PDB file of N, CA and C in Angstrom:
ATOM      1  N   UNK A   1      16.311  18.269  -3.242  1.00  0.00           N
ATOM      2  CA  UNK A   1      16.414  18.727  -2.196  1.00  0.00           C
ATOM      3  C   UNK A   1      15.794  17.399  -1.469  1.00  0.00           C
ATOM      4  N   UNK A   2      16.856  17.330  -0.055  1.00  0.00           N
ATOM      5  CA  UNK A   2      16.410  16.178   0.746  1.00  0.00           C
ATOM      6  C   UNK A   2      15.570  16.693   1.484  1.00  0.00           C
ATOM      7  N   UNK A   3      14.401  15.065   2.070  1.00  0.00           N
ATOM      8  CA  UNK A   3      13.612  15.637   2.982  1.00  0.00           C
ATOM      9  C   UNK A   3      13.419  15.183   4.231  1.00  0.00           C
ATOM     10  N   UNK A   4      12.705  15.070   4.891  1.00  0.00           N
ATOM     11  CA  UNK A   4      13.286  14.548   6.693  1.00  0.00           C
ATOM     12  C   UNK A   4      11.971  14.775   6.803  1.00  0.00           C
ATOM     13  N   UNK A   5      11.287  13.468   8.008  1.00  0.00           N
ATOM     14  CA  UNK A   5      10.339  13.238   8.391  1.00  0.00           C
ATOM     15  C   UNK A   5      10.663  13.827  10.076  1.00  0.00           C
ATOM     16  N   UNK A   6       9.274  14.345  10.338  1.00  0.00           N
ATOM     17  CA  UNK A   6       9.382  14.683  11.731  1.00  0.00           C
ATOM     18  C   UNK A   6       8.089  14.328  12.553  1.00  0.00           C
ATOM     19  N   UNK A   7       8.085  13.688  13.853  1.00  0.00           N
ATOM     20  CA  UNK A   7       7.137  13.170  14.206  1.00  0.00           C
ATOM     21  C   UNK A   7       7.532  13.641  15.735  1.00  0.00           C
ATOM     22  N   UNK A   8       5.899  13.982  16.236  1.00  0.00           N
ATOM     23  CA  UNK A   8       5.495  14.336  17.277  1.00  0.00           C
ATOM     24  C   UNK A   8       5.352  13.508  18.379  1.00  0.00           C
ATOM     25  N   UNK A   9       6.164  14.013  19.441  1.00  0.00           N
ATOM     26  CA  UNK A   9       6.700  12.559  20.394  1.00  0.00           C
ATOM     27  C   UNK A   9       6.397  13.065  21.541  1.00  0.00           C
ATOM     28  N   UNK A  10       6.507  14.119  22.132  1.00  0.00           N
ATOM     29  CA  UNK A  10       5.801  15.113  22.588  1.00  0.00           C
ATOM     30  C   UNK A  10       4.231  15.793  23.090  1.00  0.00           C
ATOM     31  N   UNK A  11       3.814  16.441  24.496  1.00  0.00           N
ATOM     32  CA  UNK A  11       2.660  16.636  24.260  1.00  0.00           C
ATOM     33  C   UNK A  11       3.351  18.580  24.421  1.00  0.00           C
ATOM     34  N   UNK A  12       2.391  19.326  24.290  1.00  0.00           N
ATOM     35  CA  UNK A  12       2.454  20.864  23.895  1.00  0.00           C
ATOM     36  C   UNK A  12       2.165  21.551  24.831  1.00  0.00           C
ATOM     37  N   UNK A  13       1.041  20.757  25.737  1.00  0.00           N
ATOM     38  CA  UNK A  13       0.582  21.388  27.234  1.00  0.00           C
ATOM     39  C   UNK A  13       1.957  21.628  28.046  1.00  0.00           C
ATOM     40  N   UNK A  14       1.682  23.124  28.885  1.00  0.00           N
ATOM     41  CA  UNK A  14       2.437  23.699  29.420  1.00  0.00           C
ATOM     42  C   UNK A  14       3.609  24.309  28.696  1.00  0.00           C
ATOM     43  N   UNK A  15       3.440  24.192  27.455  1.00  0.00           N
ATOM     44  CA  UNK A  15       4.702  24.808  26.673  1.00  0.00           C
ATOM     45  C   UNK A  15       3.805  26.761  26.457  1.00  0.00           C
ATOM     46  N   UNK A  16       5.214  27.095  26.354  1.00  0.00           N
ATOM     47  CA  UNK A  16       4.843  28.622  25.870  1.00  0.00           C
ATOM     48  C   UNK A  16       4.053  28.971  24.715  1.00  0.00           C
ATOM     49  N   UNK A  17       3.719  29.452  24.280  1.00  0.00           N
ATOM     50  CA  UNK A  17       2.821  29.415  22.761  1.00  0.00           C
ATOM     51  C   UNK A  17       3.302  29.597  21.650  1.00  0.00           C
ATOM     52  N   UNK A  18       4.669  30.383  21.637  1.00  0.00           N
ATOM     53  CA  UNK A  18       5.577  30.202  20.651  1.00  0.00           C
ATOM     54  C   UNK A  18       6.076  28.931  20.248  1.00  0.00           C
ATOM     55  N   UNK A  19       6.299  28.344  21.021  1.00  0.00           N
ATOM     56  CA  UNK A  19       6.356  26.481  20.850  1.00  0.00           C
ATOM     57  C   UNK A  19       5.118  25.288  20.070  1.00  0.00           C
ATOM     58  N   UNK A  20       4.179  26.452  20.836  1.00  0.00           N
ATOM     59  CA  UNK A  20       2.282  25.541  20.619  1.00  0.00           C
ATOM     60  C   UNK A  20       2.437  25.934  18.698  1.00  0.00           C
ATOM     61  N   UNK A  21       2.989  27.421  18.306  1.00  0.00           N
ATOM     62  CA  UNK A  21       2.373  27.905  17.086  1.00  0.00           C
ATOM     63  C   UNK A  21       3.291  27.124  16.145  1.00  0.00           C
ATOM     64  N   UNK A  22       4.847  26.907  16.939  1.00  0.00           N
ATOM     65  CA  UNK A  22       5.837  26.621  15.906  1.00  0.00           C
ATOM     66  C   UNK A  22       5.587  25.088  15.446  1.00  0.00           C
ATOM     67  N   UNK A  23       4.525  24.116  16.387  1.00  0.00           N
ATOM     68  CA  UNK A  23       4.658  22.862  16.168  1.00  0.00           C
ATOM     69  C   UNK A  23       3.062  22.568  15.218  1.00  0.00           C
ATOM     70  N   UNK A  24       2.194  23.837  15.234  1.00  0.00           N
ATOM     71  CA  UNK A  24       0.921  24.069  14.177  1.00  0.00           C
ATOM     72  C   UNK A  24       1.764  24.538  12.863  1.00  0.00           C
ATOM     73  N   UNK A  25       2.774  25.404  12.642  1.00  0.00           N
ATOM     74  CA  UNK A  25       3.700  25.856  11.874  1.00  0.00           C
ATOM     75  C   UNK A  25       4.292  24.627  10.706  1.00  0.00           C
ATOM     76  N   UNK A  26       4.814  23.362  11.636  1.00  0.00           N
ATOM     77  CA  UNK A  26       4.815  22.495  10.896  1.00  0.00           C
ATOM     78  C   UNK A  26       4.324  21.369  10.811  1.00  0.00           C
ATOM     79  N   UNK A  27       2.479  21.765  11.009  1.00  0.00           N
ATOM     80  CA  UNK A  27       1.584  20.898  10.758  1.00  0.00           C
ATOM     81  C   UNK A  27       1.281  19.463  11.639  1.00  0.00           C
ATOM     82  N   UNK A  28       1.927  20.144  13.034  1.00  0.00           N
ATOM     83  CA  UNK A  28       1.942  18.634  14.147  1.00  0.00           C
ATOM     84  C   UNK A  28       1.063  18.991  14.838  1.00  0.00           C
ATOM     85  N   UNK A  29       0.043  18.402  14.663  1.00  0.00           N
ATOM     86  CA  UNK A  29      -1.018  18.411  15.937  1.00  0.00           C
ATOM     87  C   UNK A  29      -1.655  17.120  16.847  1.00  0.00           C
ATOM     88  N   UNK A  30      -1.209  16.251  16.672  1.00  0.00           N
ATOM     89  CA  UNK A  30      -1.723  15.067  17.243  1.00  0.00           C
ATOM     90  C   UNK A  30      -0.509  13.976  17.310  1.00  0.00           C
ATOM     91  N   UNK A  31      -0.241  13.568  18.537  1.00  0.00           N
ATOM     92  CA  UNK A  31       0.879  12.774  19.425  1.00  0.00           C
ATOM     93  C   UNK A  31       1.120  11.394  18.266  1.00  0.00           C
ATOM     94  N   UNK A  32       2.179  11.203  17.722  1.00  0.00           N
ATOM     95  CA  UNK A  32       2.692  10.721  16.733  1.00  0.00           C
ATOM     96  C   UNK A  32       2.678  10.788  15.400  1.00  0.00           C
ATOM     97  N   UNK A  33       1.715  12.156  14.850  1.00  0.00           N
ATOM     98  CA  UNK A  33       1.755  12.759  14.051  1.00  0.00           C
ATOM     99  C   UNK A  33       2.942  12.780  13.085  1.00  0.00           C
ATOM    100  N   UNK A  34       3.282  12.148  12.204  1.00  0.00           N
ATOM    101  CA  UNK A  34       4.106  12.422  10.963  1.00  0.00           C
ATOM    102  C   UNK A  34       4.520  13.202   9.747  1.00  0.00           C
ATOM    103  N   UNK A  35       5.008  14.200   9.763  1.00  0.00           N
ATOM    104  CA  UNK A  35       4.899  15.093   8.525  1.00  0.00           C
ATOM    105  C   UNK A  35       6.114  15.777   7.873  1.00  0.00           C
ATOM    106  N   UNK A  36       6.112  14.933   6.228  1.00  0.00           N
ATOM    107  CA  UNK A  36       7.684  15.185   5.374  1.00  0.00           C
ATOM    108  C   UNK A  36       7.573  16.630   5.060  1.00  0.00           C
ATOM    109  N   UNK A  37       8.693  17.111   5.407  1.00  0.00           N
ATOM    110  CA  UNK A  37       9.196  18.744   5.077  1.00  0.00           C
ATOM    111  C   UNK A  37      10.567  18.822   4.140  1.00  0.00           C
ATOM    112  N   UNK A  38      10.786  20.072   3.647  1.00  0.00           N
ATOM    113  CA  UNK A  38      12.242  19.868   2.617  1.00  0.00           C
ATOM    114  C   UNK A  38      13.031  20.154   3.872  1.00  0.00           C
ATOM    115  N   UNK A  39      14.652  19.643   3.396  1.00  0.00           N
ATOM    116  CA  UNK A  39      15.229  20.010   4.311  1.00  0.00           C
ATOM    117  C   UNK A  39      16.061  21.219   4.135  1.00  0.00           C
ATOM    118  N   UNK A  40      15.466  22.547   5.045  1.00  0.00           N
ATOM    119  CA  UNK A  40      15.659  23.766   4.341  1.00  0.00           C
ATOM    120  C   UNK A  40      16.327  24.580   6.087  1.00  0.00           C
ATOM    121  N   UNK A  41      16.800  25.511   5.886  1.00  0.00           N
ATOM    122  CA  UNK A  41      17.406  26.861   7.033  1.00  0.00           C
ATOM    123  C   UNK A  41      16.400  26.587   7.686  1.00  0.00           C
ATOM    124  N   UNK A  42      15.256  26.881   7.641  1.00  0.00           N
ATOM    125  CA  UNK A  42      13.921  27.729   7.709  1.00  0.00           C
ATOM    126  C   UNK A  42      12.935  26.633   8.916  1.00  0.00           C
ATOM    127  N   UNK A  43      12.871  24.951   8.066  1.00  0.00           N
ATOM    128  CA  UNK A  43      12.917  24.139   8.747  1.00  0.00           C
ATOM    129  C   UNK A  43      13.208  23.879  10.124  1.00  0.00           C
ATOM    130  N   UNK A  44      14.655  23.707   9.865  1.00  0.00           N
ATOM    131  CA  UNK A  44      15.702  23.229  10.508  1.00  0.00           C
ATOM    132  C   UNK A  44      15.598  23.814  12.267  1.00  0.00           C
ATOM    133  N   UNK A  45      15.646  25.591  11.868  1.00  0.00           N
ATOM    134  CA  UNK A  45      15.221  26.547  12.860  1.00  0.00           C
ATOM    135  C   UNK A  45      14.292  26.679  13.752  1.00  0.00           C
ATOM    136  N   UNK A  46      12.882  25.663  13.021  1.00  0.00           N
ATOM    137  CA  UNK A  46      11.960  25.560  13.721  1.00  0.00           C
ATOM    138  C   UNK A  46      12.097  23.959  14.531  1.00  0.00           C
ATOM    139  N   UNK A  47      12.511  23.286  14.005  1.00  0.00           N
ATOM    140  CA  UNK A  47      12.609  21.745  14.703  1.00  0.00           C
ATOM    141  C   UNK A  47      13.503  22.003  15.962  1.00  0.00           C
ATOM    142  N   UNK A  48      14.809  22.713  15.947  1.00  0.00           N
ATOM    143  CA  UNK A  48      15.131  22.805  16.374  1.00  0.00           C
ATOM    144  C   UNK A  48      14.665  24.075  18.406  1.00  0.00           C
ATOM    145  N   UNK A  49      14.064  24.775  17.370  1.00  0.00           N
ATOM    146  CA  UNK A  49      12.868  25.311  19.157  1.00  0.00           C
ATOM    147  C   UNK A  49      12.197  24.120  19.674  1.00  0.00           C
ATOM    148  N   UNK A  50      11.783  23.545  18.921  1.00  0.00           N
ATOM    149  CA  UNK A  50      10.773  22.433  19.862  1.00  0.00           C
ATOM    150  C   UNK A  50      11.617  20.963  19.373  1.00  0.00           C
ATOM    151  N   UNK A  51      12.930  20.850  19.132  1.00  0.00           N
ATOM    152  CA  UNK A  51      14.050  19.596  19.441  1.00  0.00           C
ATOM    153  C   UNK A  51      13.210  18.496  20.471  1.00  0.00           C
ATOM    154  N   UNK A  52      13.011  19.061  22.116  1.00  0.00           N
ATOM    155  CA  UNK A  52      12.619  18.603  22.613  1.00  0.00           C
ATOM    156  C   UNK A  52      11.238  17.582  22.986  1.00  0.00           C
ATOM    157  N   UNK A  53      10.606  18.039  21.596  1.00  0.00           N
ATOM    158  CA  UNK A  53       9.092  18.113  21.745  1.00  0.00           C
ATOM    159  C   UNK A  53       8.842  16.847  20.216  1.00  0.00           C
ATOM    160  N   UNK A  54       9.531  16.874  19.729  1.00  0.00           N
ATOM    161  CA  UNK A  54       9.557  16.261  17.864  1.00  0.00           C
ATOM    162  C   UNK A  54      10.957  14.751  17.997  1.00  0.00           C
ATOM    163  N   UNK A  55      10.531  13.804  17.289  1.00  0.00           N
ATOM    164  CA  UNK A  55      12.012  13.601  16.690  1.00  0.00           C
ATOM    165  C   UNK A  55      11.812  13.584  15.136  1.00  0.00           C
ATOM    166  N   UNK A  56      12.944  13.749  14.721  1.00  0.00           N
ATOM    167  CA  UNK A  56      13.975  13.650  13.509  1.00  0.00           C
ATOM    168  C   UNK A  56      14.473  12.405  12.467  1.00  0.00           C
ATOM    169  N   UNK A  57      14.110  12.538  11.516  1.00  0.00           N
ATOM    170  CA  UNK A  57      14.598  11.337  10.579  1.00  0.00           C
ATOM    171  C   UNK A  57      14.673  11.902   9.477  1.00  0.00           C
ATOM    172  N   UNK A  58      15.491  10.577   8.721  1.00  0.00           N
ATOM    173  CA  UNK A  58      15.716  11.382   6.978  1.00  0.00           C
ATOM    174  C   UNK A  58      14.569  10.410   6.164  1.00  0.00           C
ATOM    175  N   UNK A  59      14.112  11.120   5.054  1.00  0.00           N
ATOM    176  CA  UNK A  59      13.059  10.769   4.481  1.00  0.00           C
ATOM    177  C   UNK A  59      13.688   9.460   3.174  1.00  0.00           C
TER     178      UNK A  59
END
């Protein structure tokens, strides 16, 4: 399965709780932090929900 790198590029301050929890579920806490995930529909759905806070690239 393909891998993708997700980088947190914006702060979660003043964001709804569900977006903050989605970032935590992706494993992103600090600005600039990068996590590698499998390219699955579940992960892509979470990324789509917080797409304005993260950047995504192929691993």
